[in-house]
PDB file of N, CA and C in Angstrom:
ATOM      1  N   MET A   1     -10.516  71.310  -2.117  1.00  0.00           N
ATOM      2  CA  MET A   1     -11.111  72.632  -2.186  1.00  0.00           C
ATOM      3  C   MET A   1     -12.637  72.538  -2.310  1.00  0.00           C
ATOM      4  N   GLU A   2     -13.132  71.532  -3.031  1.00  0.00           N
ATOM      5  CA  GLU A   2     -14.577  71.371  -3.191  1.00  0.00           C
ATOM      6  C   GLU A   2     -15.261  71.136  -1.852  1.00  0.00           C
ATOM      7  N   LYS A   3     -14.601  70.417  -0.962  1.00  0.00           N
ATOM      8  CA  LYS A   3     -15.176  70.138   0.352  1.00  0.00           C
ATOM      9  C   LYS A   3     -15.299  71.418   1.176  1.00  0.00           C
ATOM     10  N   ILE A   4     -14.290  72.256   1.116  1.00  0.00           N
ATOM     11  CA  ILE A   4     -14.325  73.523   1.854  1.00  0.00           C
ATOM     12  C   ILE A   4     -15.430  74.424   1.313  1.00  0.00           C
ATOM     13  N   VAL A   5     -15.578  74.489   0.011  1.00  0.00           N
ATOM     14  CA  VAL A   5     -16.631  75.295  -0.602  1.00  0.00           C
ATOM     15  C   VAL A   5     -18.008  74.754  -0.214  1.00  0.00           C
ATOM     16  N   ALA A   6     -18.168  73.435  -0.206  1.00  0.00           N
ATOM     17  CA  ALA A   6     -19.446  72.826   0.174  1.00  0.00           C
ATOM     18  C   ALA A   6     -19.816  73.195   1.613  1.00  0.00           C
ATOM     19  N   VAL A   7     -18.859  73.106   2.521  1.00  0.00           N
ATOM     20  CA  VAL A   7     -19.116  73.454   3.929  1.00  0.00           C
ATOM     21  C   VAL A   7     -19.426  74.945   4.050  1.00  0.00           C
ATOM     22  N   ALA A   8     -18.662  75.776   3.355  1.00  0.00           N
ATOM     23  CA  ALA A   8     -18.856  77.230   3.442  1.00  0.00           C
ATOM     24  C   ALA A   8     -20.228  77.648   2.910  1.00  0.00           C
ATOM     25  N   LEU A   9     -20.627  77.108   1.778  1.00  0.00           N
ATOM     26  CA  LEU A   9     -21.936  77.462   1.209  1.00  0.00           C
ATOM     27  C   LEU A   9     -23.080  76.963   2.098  1.00  0.00           C
ATOM     28  N   GLY A  10     -22.955  75.746   2.587  1.00  0.00           N
ATOM     29  CA  GLY A  10     -23.976  75.216   3.489  1.00  0.00           C
ATOM     30  C   GLY A  10     -24.061  76.019   4.767  1.00  0.00           C
ATOM     31  N   GLY A  11     -22.916  76.380   5.331  1.00  0.00           N
ATOM     32  CA  GLY A  11     -22.896  77.174   6.556  1.00  0.00           C
ATOM     33  C   GLY A  11     -23.526  78.541   6.365  1.00  0.00           C
ATOM     34  N   ALA A  12     -23.238  79.179   5.233  1.00  0.00           N
ATOM     35  CA  ALA A  12     -23.826  80.491   4.957  1.00  0.00           C
ATOM     36  C   ALA A  12     -25.345  80.377   4.841  1.00  0.00           C
ATOM     37  N   LEU A  13     -25.828  79.392   4.123  1.00  0.00           N
ATOM     38  CA  LEU A  13     -27.267  79.209   3.960  1.00  0.00           C
ATOM     39  C   LEU A  13     -27.934  78.900   5.304  1.00  0.00           C
ATOM     40  N   GLY A  14     -27.350  78.007   6.075  1.00  0.00           N
ATOM     41  CA  GLY A  14     -27.902  77.654   7.374  1.00  0.00           C
ATOM     42  C   GLY A  14     -27.942  78.841   8.318  1.00  0.00           C
ATOM     43  N   SER A  15     -26.898  79.650   8.314  1.00  0.00           N
ATOM     44  CA  SER A  15     -26.846  80.820   9.182  1.00  0.00           C
ATOM     45  C   SER A  15     -27.901  81.846   8.818  1.00  0.00           C
ATOM     46  N   VAL A  16     -28.112  82.076   7.526  1.00  0.00           N
ATOM     47  CA  VAL A  16     -29.131  83.032   7.082  1.00  0.00           C
ATOM     48  C   VAL A  16     -30.526  82.544   7.473  1.00  0.00           C
ATOM     49  N   ILE A  17     -30.786  81.275   7.290  1.00  0.00           N
ATOM     50  CA  ILE A  17     -32.105  80.742   7.649  1.00  0.00           C
ATOM     51  C   ILE A  17     -32.309  80.800   9.159  1.00  0.00           C
ATOM     52  N   ARG A  18     -31.261  80.520   9.928  1.00  0.00           N
ATOM     53  CA  ARG A  18     -31.373  80.649  11.395  1.00  0.00           C
ATOM     54  C   ARG A  18     -31.687  82.084  11.775  1.00  0.00           C
ATOM     55  N   TYR A  19     -31.027  83.042  11.138  1.00  0.00           N
ATOM     56  CA  TYR A  19     -31.274  84.453  11.427  1.00  0.00           C
ATOM     57  C   TYR A  19     -32.726  84.818  11.128  1.00  0.00           C
ATOM     58  N   LEU A  20     -33.265  84.326  10.019  1.00  0.00           N
ATOM     59  CA  LEU A  20     -34.660  84.605   9.676  1.00  0.00           C
ATOM     60  C   LEU A  20     -35.612  84.005  10.713  1.00  0.00           C
ATOM     61  N   ILE A  21     -35.314  82.806  11.170  1.00  0.00           N
ATOM     62  CA  ILE A  21     -36.132  82.183  12.213  1.00  0.00           C
ATOM     63  C   ILE A  21     -36.064  83.016  13.499  1.00  0.00           C
ATOM     64  N   MET A  22     -34.885  83.518  13.825  1.00  0.00           N
ATOM     65  CA  MET A  22     -34.739  84.320  15.036  1.00  0.00           C
ATOM     66  C   MET A  22     -35.496  85.638  14.902  1.00  0.00           C
ATOM     67  N   LEU A  23     -35.565  86.213  13.692  1.00  0.00           N
ATOM     68  CA  LEU A  23     -36.357  87.423  13.489  1.00  0.00           C
ATOM     69  C   LEU A  23     -37.841  87.140  13.705  1.00  0.00           C
ATOM     70  N   ILE A  24     -38.304  86.040  13.149  1.00  0.00           N
ATOM     71  CA  ILE A  24     -39.714  85.659  13.314  1.00  0.00           C
ATOM     72  C   ILE A  24     -40.011  85.356  14.776  1.00  0.00           C
ATOM     73  N   ALA A  25     -39.126  84.604  15.399  1.00  0.00           N
ATOM     74  CA  ALA A  25     -39.326  84.224  16.799  1.00  0.00           C
ATOM     75  C   ALA A  25     -39.175  85.417  17.735  1.00  0.00           C
ATOM     76  N   GLY A  26     -38.569  86.499  17.251  1.00  0.00           N
ATOM     77  CA  GLY A  26     -38.395  87.691  18.072  1.00  0.00           C
ATOM     78  C   GLY A  26     -39.696  88.238  18.615  1.00  0.00           C
ATOM     79  N   ASN A  27     -40.779  87.942  17.916  1.00  0.00           N
ATOM     80  CA  ASN A  27     -42.094  88.367  18.392  1.00  0.00           C
ATOM     81  C   ASN A  27     -42.494  87.631  19.660  1.00  0.00           C
ATOM     82  N   TYR A  28     -41.871  86.490  19.914  1.00  0.00           N
ATOM     83  CA  TYR A  28     -42.219  85.657  21.062  1.00  0.00           C
ATOM     84  C   TYR A  28     -41.082  85.581  22.080  1.00  0.00           C
ATOM     85  N   HIS A  29     -39.985  86.254  21.773  1.00  0.00           N
ATOM     86  CA  HIS A  29     -38.790  86.198  22.626  1.00  0.00           C
ATOM     87  C   HIS A  29     -38.957  87.113  23.830  1.00  0.00           C
ATOM     88  N   THR A  30     -38.594  86.591  24.951  1.00  0.00           N
ATOM     89  CA  THR A  30     -38.531  87.420  26.151  1.00  0.00           C
ATOM     90  C   THR A  30     -37.100  87.376  26.654  1.00  0.00           C
ATOM     91  N   ARG A  31     -36.760  88.292  27.528  1.00  0.00           N
ATOM     92  CA  ARG A  31     -35.417  88.274  28.109  1.00  0.00           C
ATOM     93  C   ARG A  31     -35.179  86.962  28.840  1.00  0.00           C
ATOM     94  N   ALA A  32     -36.262  86.366  29.304  1.00  0.00           N
ATOM     95  CA  ALA A  32     -36.132  85.170  30.130  1.00  0.00           C
ATOM     96  C   ALA A  32     -36.134  83.863  29.339  1.00  0.00           C
ATOM     97  N   PHE A  33     -36.368  83.916  28.030  1.00  0.00           N
ATOM     98  CA  PHE A  33     -36.321  82.665  27.263  1.00  0.00           C
ATOM     99  C   PHE A  33     -35.975  82.966  25.814  1.00  0.00           C
ATOM    100  N   PRO A  34     -34.848  82.455  25.328  1.00  0.00           N
ATOM    101  CA  PRO A  34     -34.380  82.710  23.967  1.00  0.00           C
ATOM    102  C   PRO A  34     -35.069  81.814  22.933  1.00  0.00           C
ATOM    103  N   THR A  35     -36.256  82.200  22.531  1.00  0.00           N
ATOM    104  CA  THR A  35     -37.113  81.397  21.670  1.00  0.00           C
ATOM    105  C   THR A  35     -36.471  81.079  20.317  1.00  0.00           C
ATOM    106  N   GLY A  36     -35.841  82.050  19.697  1.00  0.00           N
ATOM    107  CA  GLY A  36     -35.274  81.835  18.361  1.00  0.00           C
ATOM    108  C   GLY A  36     -34.234  80.732  18.322  1.00  0.00           C
ATOM    109  N   THR A  37     -33.309  80.758  19.259  1.00  0.00           N
ATOM    110  CA  THR A  37     -32.278  79.717  19.313  1.00  0.00           C
ATOM    111  C   THR A  37     -32.907  78.367  19.622  1.00  0.00           C
ATOM    112  N   PHE A  38     -33.857  78.363  20.532  1.00  0.00           N
ATOM    113  CA  PHE A  38     -34.547  77.131  20.913  1.00  0.00           C
ATOM    114  C   PHE A  38     -35.224  76.498  19.695  1.00  0.00           C
ATOM    115  N   VAL A  39     -35.975  77.299  18.937  1.00  0.00           N
ATOM    116  CA  VAL A  39     -36.689  76.796  17.753  1.00  0.00           C
ATOM    117  C   VAL A  39     -35.698  76.328  16.690  1.00  0.00           C
ATOM    118  N   ALA A  40     -34.660  77.115  16.419  1.00  0.00           N
ATOM    119  CA  ALA A  40     -33.674  76.731  15.400  1.00  0.00           C
ATOM    120  C   ALA A  40     -32.982  75.423  15.778  1.00  0.00           C
ATOM    121  N   ASN A  41     -32.613  75.282  17.042  1.00  0.00           N
ATOM    122  CA  ASN A  41     -31.926  74.060  17.458  1.00  0.00           C
ATOM    123  C   ASN A  41     -32.844  72.845  17.377  1.00  0.00           C
ATOM    124  N   LEU A  42     -34.117  72.995  17.753  1.00  0.00           N
ATOM    125  CA  LEU A  42     -35.035  71.853  17.655  1.00  0.00           C
ATOM    126  C   LEU A  42     -35.326  71.490  16.204  1.00  0.00           C
ATOM    127  N   LEU A  43     -35.513  72.493  15.348  1.00  0.00           N
ATOM    128  CA  LEU A  43     -35.710  72.197  13.922  1.00  0.00           C
ATOM    129  C   LEU A  43     -34.471  71.522  13.332  1.00  0.00           C
ATOM    130  N   GLY A  44     -33.300  71.993  13.733  1.00  0.00           N
ATOM    131  CA  GLY A  44     -32.058  71.375  13.268  1.00  0.00           C
ATOM    132  C   GLY A  44     -31.953  69.926  13.713  1.00  0.00           C
ATOM    133  N   CYS A  45     -32.378  69.649  14.935  1.00  0.00           N
ATOM    134  CA  CYS A  45     -32.374  68.264  15.430  1.00  0.00           C
ATOM    135  C   CYS A  45     -33.340  67.397  14.630  1.00  0.00           C
ATOM    136  N   LEU A  46     -34.520  67.925  14.340  1.00  0.00           N
ATOM    137  CA  LEU A  46     -35.488  67.185  13.530  1.00  0.00           C
ATOM    138  C   LEU A  46     -34.915  66.912  12.139  1.00  0.00           C
ATOM    139  N   LEU A  47     -34.329  67.935  11.530  1.00  0.00           N
ATOM    140  CA  LEU A  47     -33.760  67.767  10.191  1.00  0.00           C
ATOM    141  C   LEU A  47     -32.607  66.772  10.166  1.00  0.00           C
ATOM    142  N   ILE A  48     -31.735  66.834  11.160  1.00  0.00           N
ATOM    143  CA  ILE A  48     -30.597  65.903  11.145  1.00  0.00           C
ATOM    144  C   ILE A  48     -31.073  64.467  11.333  1.00  0.00           C
ATOM    145  N   GLY A  49     -32.129  64.273  12.128  1.00  0.00           N
ATOM    146  CA  GLY A  49     -32.691  62.939  12.279  1.00  0.00           C
ATOM    147  C   GLY A  49     -33.287  62.429  10.981  1.00  0.00           C
ATOM    148  N   MET A  50     -34.020  63.310  10.295  1.00  0.00           N
ATOM    149  CA  MET A  50     -34.640  62.911   9.022  1.00  0.00           C
ATOM    150  C   MET A  50     -33.581  62.624   7.963  1.00  0.00           C
ATOM    151  N   LEU A  51     -32.601  63.507   7.855  1.00  0.00           N
ATOM    152  CA  LEU A  51     -31.552  63.315   6.849  1.00  0.00           C
ATOM    153  C   LEU A  51     -30.693  62.095   7.156  1.00  0.00           C
ATOM    154  N   TRP A  52     -30.436  61.859   8.408  1.00  0.00           N
ATOM    155  CA  TRP A  52     -29.684  60.680   8.829  1.00  0.00           C
ATOM    156  C   TRP A  52     -30.394  59.412   8.368  1.00  0.00           C
ATOM    157  N   SER A  53     -31.706  59.357   8.611  1.00  0.00           N
ATOM    158  CA  SER A  53     -32.479  58.193   8.201  1.00  0.00           C
ATOM    159  C   SER A  53     -32.468  58.048   6.676  1.00  0.00           C
ATOM    160  N   LEU A  54     -32.695  59.141   5.993  1.00  0.00           N
ATOM    161  CA  LEU A  54     -32.747  59.115   4.535  1.00  0.00           C
ATOM    162  C   LEU A  54     -31.414  58.680   3.932  1.00  0.00           C
ATOM    163  N   PHE A  55     -30.338  59.260   4.414  1.00  0.00           N
ATOM    164  CA  PHE A  55     -29.040  58.985   3.807  1.00  0.00           C
ATOM    165  C   PHE A  55     -28.387  57.709   4.318  1.00  0.00           C
ATOM    166  N   ASP A  56     -29.028  57.036   5.262  1.00  0.00           N
ATOM    167  CA  ASP A  56     -28.604  55.683   5.596  1.00  0.00           C
ATOM    168  C   ASP A  56     -28.979  54.730   4.469  1.00  0.00           C
ATOM    169  N   ARG A  57     -29.950  55.131   3.680  1.00  0.00           N
ATOM    170  CA  ARG A  57     -30.478  54.254   2.645  1.00  0.00           C
ATOM    171  C   ARG A  57     -30.236  54.756   1.227  1.00  0.00           C
ATOM    172  N   VAL A  58     -29.979  56.047   1.088  1.00  0.00           N
ATOM    173  CA  VAL A  58     -29.732  56.649  -0.216  1.00  0.00           C
ATOM    174  C   VAL A  58     -28.303  57.157  -0.230  1.00  0.00           C
ATOM    175  N   GLN A  59     -27.549  56.764  -1.218  1.00  0.00           N
ATOM    176  CA  GLN A  59     -26.162  57.196  -1.309  1.00  0.00           C
ATOM    177  C   GLN A  59     -26.075  58.621  -1.850  1.00  0.00           C
ATOM    178  N   ILE A  60     -25.296  59.456  -1.188  1.00  0.00           N
ATOM    179  CA  ILE A  60     -25.011  60.801  -1.683  1.00  0.00           C
ATOM    180  C   ILE A  60     -23.506  60.988  -1.653  1.00  0.00           C
ATOM    181  N   ASN A  61     -23.022  61.919  -2.473  1.00  0.00           N
ATOM    182  CA  ASN A  61     -21.573  62.111  -2.491  1.00  0.00           C
ATOM    183  C   ASN A  61     -21.122  62.851  -1.235  1.00  0.00           C
ATOM    184  N   ASN A  62     -19.858  62.738  -0.958  1.00  0.00           N
ATOM    185  CA  ASN A  62     -19.291  63.281   0.269  1.00  0.00           C
ATOM    186  C   ASN A  62     -19.438  64.804   0.353  1.00  0.00           C
ATOM    187  N   GLU A  63     -19.299  65.506  -0.765  1.00  0.00           N
ATOM    188  CA  GLU A  63     -19.418  66.964  -0.756  1.00  0.00           C
ATOM    189  C   GLU A  63     -20.835  67.396  -0.381  1.00  0.00           C
ATOM    190  N   PHE A  64     -21.843  66.691  -0.886  1.00  0.00           N
ATOM    191  CA  PHE A  64     -23.222  67.043  -0.548  1.00  0.00           C
ATOM    192  C   PHE A  64     -23.503  66.741   0.929  1.00  0.00           C
ATOM    193  N   ARG A  65     -22.959  65.658   1.420  1.00  0.00           N
ATOM    194  CA  ARG A  65     -23.101  65.318   2.846  1.00  0.00           C
ATOM    195  C   ARG A  65     -22.453  66.414   3.699  1.00  0.00           C
ATOM    196  N   LEU A  66     -21.268  66.866   3.317  1.00  0.00           N
ATOM    197  CA  LEU A  66     -20.605  67.950   4.042  1.00  0.00           C
ATOM    198  C   LEU A  66     -21.411  69.241   3.964  1.00  0.00           C
ATOM    199  N   PHE A  67     -21.972  69.528   2.783  1.00  0.00           N
ATOM    200  CA  PHE A  67     -22.814  70.716   2.612  1.00  0.00           C
ATOM    201  C   PHE A  67     -23.987  70.691   3.592  1.00  0.00           C
ATOM    202  N   LEU A  68     -24.675  69.544   3.669  1.00  0.00           N
ATOM    203  CA  LEU A  68     -25.863  69.447   4.514  1.00  0.00           C
ATOM    204  C   LEU A  68     -25.554  69.361   6.003  1.00  0.00           C
ATOM    205  N   PHE A  69     -24.737  68.392   6.383  1.00  0.00           N
ATOM    206  CA  PHE A  69     -24.531  68.121   7.806  1.00  0.00           C
ATOM    207  C   PHE A  69     -23.567  69.103   8.460  1.00  0.00           C
ATOM    208  N   THR A  70     -22.379  69.241   7.905  1.00  0.00           N
ATOM    209  CA  THR A  70     -21.379  70.112   8.522  1.00  0.00           C
ATOM    210  C   THR A  70     -21.682  71.580   8.242  1.00  0.00           C
ATOM    211  N   GLY A  71     -22.008  71.883   7.003  1.00  0.00           N
ATOM    212  CA  GLY A  71     -22.263  73.267   6.620  1.00  0.00           C
ATOM    213  C   GLY A  71     -23.625  73.775   7.041  1.00  0.00           C
ATOM    214  N   PHE A  72     -24.661  73.298   6.367  1.00  0.00           N
ATOM    215  CA  PHE A  72     -26.009  73.827   6.606  1.00  0.00           C
ATOM    216  C   PHE A  72     -26.463  73.644   8.050  1.00  0.00           C
ATOM    217  N   LEU A  73     -26.450  72.406   8.536  1.00  0.00           N
ATOM    218  CA  LEU A  73     -26.934  72.174   9.900  1.00  0.00           C
ATOM    219  C   LEU A  73     -25.980  72.742  10.948  1.00  0.00           C
ATOM    220  N   GLY A  74     -24.690  72.797  10.643  1.00  0.00           N
ATOM    221  CA  GLY A  74     -23.740  73.434  11.551  1.00  0.00           C
ATOM    222  C   GLY A  74     -23.982  74.930  11.657  1.00  0.00           C
ATOM    223  N   GLY A  75     -24.339  75.563  10.541  1.00  0.00           N
ATOM    224  CA  GLY A  75     -24.655  76.989  10.558  1.00  0.00           C
ATOM    225  C   GLY A  75     -26.043  77.275  11.098  1.00  0.00           C
ATOM    226  N   PHE A  76     -26.945  76.339  10.880  1.00  0.00           N
ATOM    227  CA  PHE A  76     -28.347  76.527  11.290  1.00  0.00           C
ATOM    228  C   PHE A  76     -28.527  76.369  12.793  1.00  0.00           C
ATOM    229  N   THR A  77     -27.930  75.341  13.356  1.00  0.00           N
ATOM    230  CA  THR A  77     -28.025  75.146  14.801  1.00  0.00           C
ATOM    231  C   THR A  77     -26.840  75.848  15.451  1.00  0.00           C
ATOM    232  N   THR A  78     -26.957  76.085  16.727  1.00  0.00           N
ATOM    233  CA  THR A  78     -25.923  76.907  17.332  1.00  0.00           C
ATOM    234  C   THR A  78     -25.716  76.593  18.801  1.00  0.00           C
ATOM    235  N   PHE A  79     -24.848  75.647  19.064  1.00  0.00           N
ATOM    236  CA  PHE A  79     -24.590  75.262  20.443  1.00  0.00           C
ATOM    237  C   PHE A  79     -23.913  76.385  21.222  1.00  0.00           C
ATOM    238  N   SER A  80     -23.034  77.122  20.563  1.00  0.00           N
ATOM    239  CA  SER A  80     -22.339  78.197  21.268  1.00  0.00           C
ATOM    240  C   SER A  80     -23.315  79.292  21.705  1.00  0.00           C
ATOM    241  N   THR A  81     -24.280  79.621  20.867  1.00  0.00           N
ATOM    242  CA  THR A  81     -25.282  80.618  21.262  1.00  0.00           C
ATOM    243  C   THR A  81     -26.148  80.079  22.384  1.00  0.00           C
ATOM    244  N   PHE A  82     -26.529  78.825  22.293  1.00  0.00           N
ATOM    245  CA  PHE A  82     -27.302  78.180  23.360  1.00  0.00           C
ATOM    246  C   PHE A  82     -26.542  78.264  24.687  1.00  0.00           C
ATOM    247  N   ALA A  83     -25.251  77.968  24.670  1.00  0.00           N
ATOM    248  CA  ALA A  83     -24.453  78.013  25.892  1.00  0.00           C
ATOM    249  C   ALA A  83     -24.363  79.434  26.437  1.00  0.00           C
ATOM    250  N   ARG A  84     -24.135  80.413  25.562  1.00  0.00           N
ATOM    251  CA  ARG A  84     -24.041  81.803  25.996  1.00  0.00           C
ATOM    252  C   ARG A  84     -25.357  82.287  26.587  1.00  0.00           C
ATOM    253  N   GLU A  85     -26.462  81.961  25.939  1.00  0.00           N
ATOM    254  CA  GLU A  85     -27.767  82.390  26.448  1.00  0.00           C
ATOM    255  C   GLU A  85     -28.070  81.754  27.803  1.00  0.00           C
ATOM    256  N   THR A  86     -27.684  80.511  27.970  1.00  0.00           N
ATOM    257  CA  THR A  86     -27.904  79.840  29.264  1.00  0.00           C
ATOM    258  C   THR A  86     -27.087  80.516  30.359  1.00  0.00           C
ATOM    259  N   VAL A  87     -25.823  80.787  30.082  1.00  0.00           N
ATOM    260  CA  VAL A  87     -24.981  81.467  31.067  1.00  0.00           C
ATOM    261  C   VAL A  87     -25.528  82.865  31.365  1.00  0.00           C
ATOM    262  N   GLN A  88     -25.995  83.562  30.337  1.00  0.00           N
ATOM    263  CA  GLN A  88     -26.564  84.900  30.532  1.00  0.00           C
ATOM    264  C   GLN A  88     -27.784  84.841  31.453  1.00  0.00           C
ATOM    265  N   LEU A  89     -28.619  83.841  31.277  1.00  0.00           N
ATOM    266  CA  LEU A  89     -29.780  83.688  32.156  1.00  0.00           C
ATOM    267  C   LEU A  89     -29.342  83.499  33.605  1.00  0.00           C
ATOM    268  N   PHE A  90     -28.324  82.683  33.819  1.00  0.00           N
ATOM    269  CA  PHE A  90     -27.791  82.518  35.178  1.00  0.00           C
ATOM    270  C   PHE A  90     -27.230  83.838  35.694  1.00  0.00           C
ATOM    271  N   LYS A  91     -26.524  84.543  34.849  1.00  0.00           N
ATOM    272  CA  LYS A  91     -25.864  85.787  35.233  1.00  0.00           C
ATOM    273  C   LYS A  91     -26.854  86.845  35.707  1.00  0.00           C
ATOM    274  N   VAL A  92     -28.017  86.917  35.052  1.00  0.00           N
ATOM    275  CA  VAL A  92     -29.007  87.931  35.435  1.00  0.00           C
ATOM    276  C   VAL A  92     -29.976  87.422  36.496  1.00  0.00           C
ATOM    277  N   GLY A  93     -29.708  86.242  37.030  1.00  0.00           N
ATOM    278  CA  GLY A  93     -30.527  85.735  38.132  1.00  0.00           C
ATOM    279  C   GLY A  93     -31.768  84.970  37.716  1.00  0.00           C
ATOM    280  N   GLU A  94     -31.897  84.645  36.443  1.00  0.00           N
ATOM    281  CA  GLU A  94     -33.050  83.887  35.945  1.00  0.00           C
ATOM    282  C   GLU A  94     -32.732  82.394  36.002  1.00  0.00           C
ATOM    283  N   HIS A  95     -32.508  81.889  37.213  1.00  0.00           N
ATOM    284  CA  HIS A  95     -32.062  80.508  37.386  1.00  0.00           C
ATOM    285  C   HIS A  95     -33.092  79.481  36.925  1.00  0.00           C
ATOM    286  N   ILE A  96     -34.337  79.713  37.210  1.00  0.00           N
ATOM    287  CA  ILE A  96     -35.383  78.769  36.789  1.00  0.00           C
ATOM    288  C   ILE A  96     -35.463  78.732  35.267  1.00  0.00           C
ATOM    289  N   GLN A  97     -35.431  79.913  34.628  1.00  0.00           N
ATOM    290  CA  GLN A  97     -35.474  79.953  33.164  1.00  0.00           C
ATOM    291  C   GLN A  97     -34.231  79.288  32.569  1.00  0.00           C
ATOM    292  N   ALA A  98     -33.085  79.489  33.180  1.00  0.00           N
ATOM    293  CA  ALA A  98     -31.844  78.883  32.682  1.00  0.00           C
ATOM    294  C   ALA A  98     -31.926  77.362  32.736  1.00  0.00           C
ATOM    295  N   PHE A  99     -32.354  76.837  33.883  1.00  0.00           N
ATOM    296  CA  PHE A  99     -32.472  75.378  33.999  1.00  0.00           C
ATOM    297  C   PHE A  99     -33.570  74.840  33.072  1.00  0.00           C
ATOM    298  N   THR A 100     -34.654  75.597  32.921  1.00  0.00           N
ATOM    299  CA  THR A 100     -35.735  75.187  32.017  1.00  0.00           C
ATOM    300  C   THR A 100     -35.223  75.115  30.579  1.00  0.00           C
ATOM    301  N   TYR A 101     -34.534  76.163  30.153  1.00  0.00           N
ATOM    302  CA  TYR A 101     -33.973  76.220  28.803  1.00  0.00           C
ATOM    303  C   TYR A 101     -32.981  75.078  28.580  1.00  0.00           C
ATOM    304  N   LEU A 102     -32.120  74.852  29.546  1.00  0.00           N
ATOM    305  CA  LEU A 102     -31.130  73.784  29.471  1.00  0.00           C
ATOM    306  C   LEU A 102     -31.796  72.416  29.359  1.00  0.00           C
ATOM    307  N   ALA A 103     -32.760  72.159  30.226  1.00  0.00           N
ATOM    308  CA  ALA A 103     -33.436  70.861  30.230  1.00  0.00           C
ATOM    309  C   ALA A 103     -34.281  70.656  28.975  1.00  0.00           C
ATOM    310  N   LEU A 104     -35.073  71.663  28.620  1.00  0.00           N
ATOM    311  CA  LEU A 104     -35.944  71.525  27.451  1.00  0.00           C
ATOM    312  C   LEU A 104     -35.135  71.369  26.161  1.00  0.00           C
ATOM    313  N   SER A 105     -34.086  72.148  26.011  1.00  0.00           N
ATOM    314  CA  SER A 105     -33.273  72.072  24.796  1.00  0.00           C
ATOM    315  C   SER A 105     -32.634  70.697  24.643  1.00  0.00           C
ATOM    316  N   ASN A 106     -32.083  70.180  25.707  1.00  0.00           N
ATOM    317  CA  ASN A 106     -31.441  68.869  25.628  1.00  0.00           C
ATOM    318  C   ASN A 106     -32.451  67.750  25.443  1.00  0.00           C
ATOM    319  N   PHE A 107     -33.502  67.750  26.249  1.00  0.00           N
ATOM    320  CA  PHE A 107     -34.498  66.688  26.153  1.00  0.00           C
ATOM    321  C   PHE A 107     -35.182  66.699  24.786  1.00  0.00           C
ATOM    322  N   PHE A 108     -35.722  67.856  24.396  1.00  0.00           N
ATOM    323  CA  PHE A 108     -36.454  67.901  23.129  1.00  0.00           C
ATOM    324  C   PHE A 108     -35.523  67.820  21.924  1.00  0.00           C
ATOM    325  N   GLY A 109     -34.264  68.228  22.064  1.00  0.00           N
ATOM    326  CA  GLY A 109     -33.299  68.032  20.983  1.00  0.00           C
ATOM    327  C   GLY A 109     -33.115  66.558  20.680  1.00  0.00           C
ATOM    328  N   LEU A 110     -32.942  65.764  21.723  1.00  0.00           N
ATOM    329  CA  LEU A 110     -32.815  64.308  21.537  1.00  0.00           C
ATOM    330  C   LEU A 110     -34.099  63.714  20.969  1.00  0.00           C
ATOM    331  N   VAL A 111     -35.230  64.168  21.480  1.00  0.00           N
ATOM    332  CA  VAL A 111     -36.526  63.678  20.989  1.00  0.00           C
ATOM    333  C   VAL A 111     -36.693  64.018  19.509  1.00  0.00           C
ATOM    334  N   MET A 112     -36.325  65.239  19.117  1.00  0.00           N
ATOM    335  CA  MET A 112     -36.511  65.652  17.720  1.00  0.00           C
ATOM    336  C   MET A 112     -35.606  64.863  16.768  1.00  0.00           C
ATOM    337  N   VAL A 113     -34.392  64.531  17.182  1.00  0.00           N
ATOM    338  CA  VAL A 113     -33.533  63.691  16.335  1.00  0.00           C
ATOM    339  C   VAL A 113     -34.196  62.334  16.125  1.00  0.00           C
ATOM    340  N   ALA A 114     -34.704  61.739  17.201  1.00  0.00           N
ATOM    341  CA  ALA A 114     -35.357  60.431  17.093  1.00  0.00           C
ATOM    342  C   ALA A 114     -36.631  60.525  16.260  1.00  0.00           C
ATOM    343  N   VAL A 115     -37.441  61.557  16.477  1.00  0.00           N
ATOM    344  CA  VAL A 115     -38.676  61.739  15.701  1.00  0.00           C
ATOM    345  C   VAL A 115     -38.349  61.936  14.234  1.00  0.00           C
ATOM    346  N   GLY A 116     -37.355  62.752  13.935  1.00  0.00           N
ATOM    347  CA  GLY A 116     -36.951  62.962  12.544  1.00  0.00           C
ATOM    348  C   GLY A 116     -36.511  61.678  11.873  1.00  0.00           C
ATOM    349  N   PHE A 117     -35.727  60.891  12.584  1.00  0.00           N
ATOM    350  CA  PHE A 117     -35.260  59.618  12.045  1.00  0.00           C
ATOM    351  C   PHE A 117     -36.441  58.697  11.751  1.00  0.00           C
ATOM    352  N   LEU A 118     -37.350  58.560  12.728  1.00  0.00           N
ATOM    353  CA  LEU A 118     -38.506  57.670  12.554  1.00  0.00           C
ATOM    354  C   LEU A 118     -39.480  58.199  11.513  1.00  0.00           C
ATOM    355  N   LEU A 119     -39.680  59.507  11.483  1.00  0.00           N
ATOM    356  CA  LEU A 119     -40.582  60.116  10.509  1.00  0.00           C
ATOM    357  C   LEU A 119     -40.095  59.867   9.086  1.00  0.00           C
ATOM    358  N   ALA A 120     -38.816  60.118   8.842  1.00  0.00           N
ATOM    359  CA  ALA A 120     -38.267  59.872   7.514  1.00  0.00           C
ATOM    360  C   ALA A 120     -38.340  58.392   7.161  1.00  0.00           C
ATOM    361  N   HIS A 121     -38.082  57.535   8.139  1.00  0.00           N
ATOM    362  CA  HIS A 121     -38.146  56.098   7.910  1.00  0.00           C
ATOM    363  C   HIS A 121     -39.563  55.684   7.468  1.00  0.00           C
ATOM    364  N   ARG A 122     -40.555  56.252   8.097  1.00  0.00           N
ATOM    365  CA  ARG A 122     -41.943  55.896   7.759  1.00  0.00           C
ATOM    366  C   ARG A 122     -42.409  56.576   6.470  1.00  0.00           C
ATOM    367  N   LEU A 123     -42.017  57.810   6.258  1.00  0.00           N
ATOM    368  CA  LEU A 123     -42.423  58.530   5.069  1.00  0.00           C
ATOM    369  C   LEU A 123     -41.863  57.884   3.797  1.00  0.00           C
ATOM    370  N   PHE A 124     -40.641  57.411   3.885  1.00  0.00           N
ATOM    371  CA  PHE A 124     -39.998  56.855   2.715  1.00  0.00           C
ATOM    372  C   PHE A 124     -40.043  55.336   2.669  1.00  0.00           C
ATOM    373  N   ARG A 125     -40.672  54.711   3.655  1.00  0.00           N
ATOM    374  CA  ARG A 125     -40.919  53.256   3.716  1.00  0.00           C
ATOM    375  C   ARG A 125     -39.728  52.417   3.268  1.00  0.00           C
ATOM    376  N   TRP A 126     -38.660  52.507   4.036  1.00  0.00           N
ATOM    377  CA  TRP A 126     -37.466  51.722   3.713  1.00  0.00           C
ATOM    378  C   TRP A 126     -37.694  50.345   4.142  1.00  0.00           C
TER     379      TRP A 126
END
């Protein structure tokens, strides 16, 4: 039961923070590019890289790991929204924006995980 509560609390917190980021990013959002989801997913990639590096060297209990990785980052990032927004761009004929969003999200998502991992590694000098 503790594991389920850890995931649920982390997911709720991650979802609320993602929503706040999407509200802020709404000032920069256009129909042709979903800025809020893009920013949340890249920040989530950076965070998972940093936490991955940190927790490779620091032991944490399983419930806290579930809270952070499965709950918080699962609620914070949103692959299903990314997929829906990409399909919507194709549906309305914004093919260039759809391919741009798809390519940038995947490329920079991978880059942010690696940067987060290396950044945490250097910051904490393991």
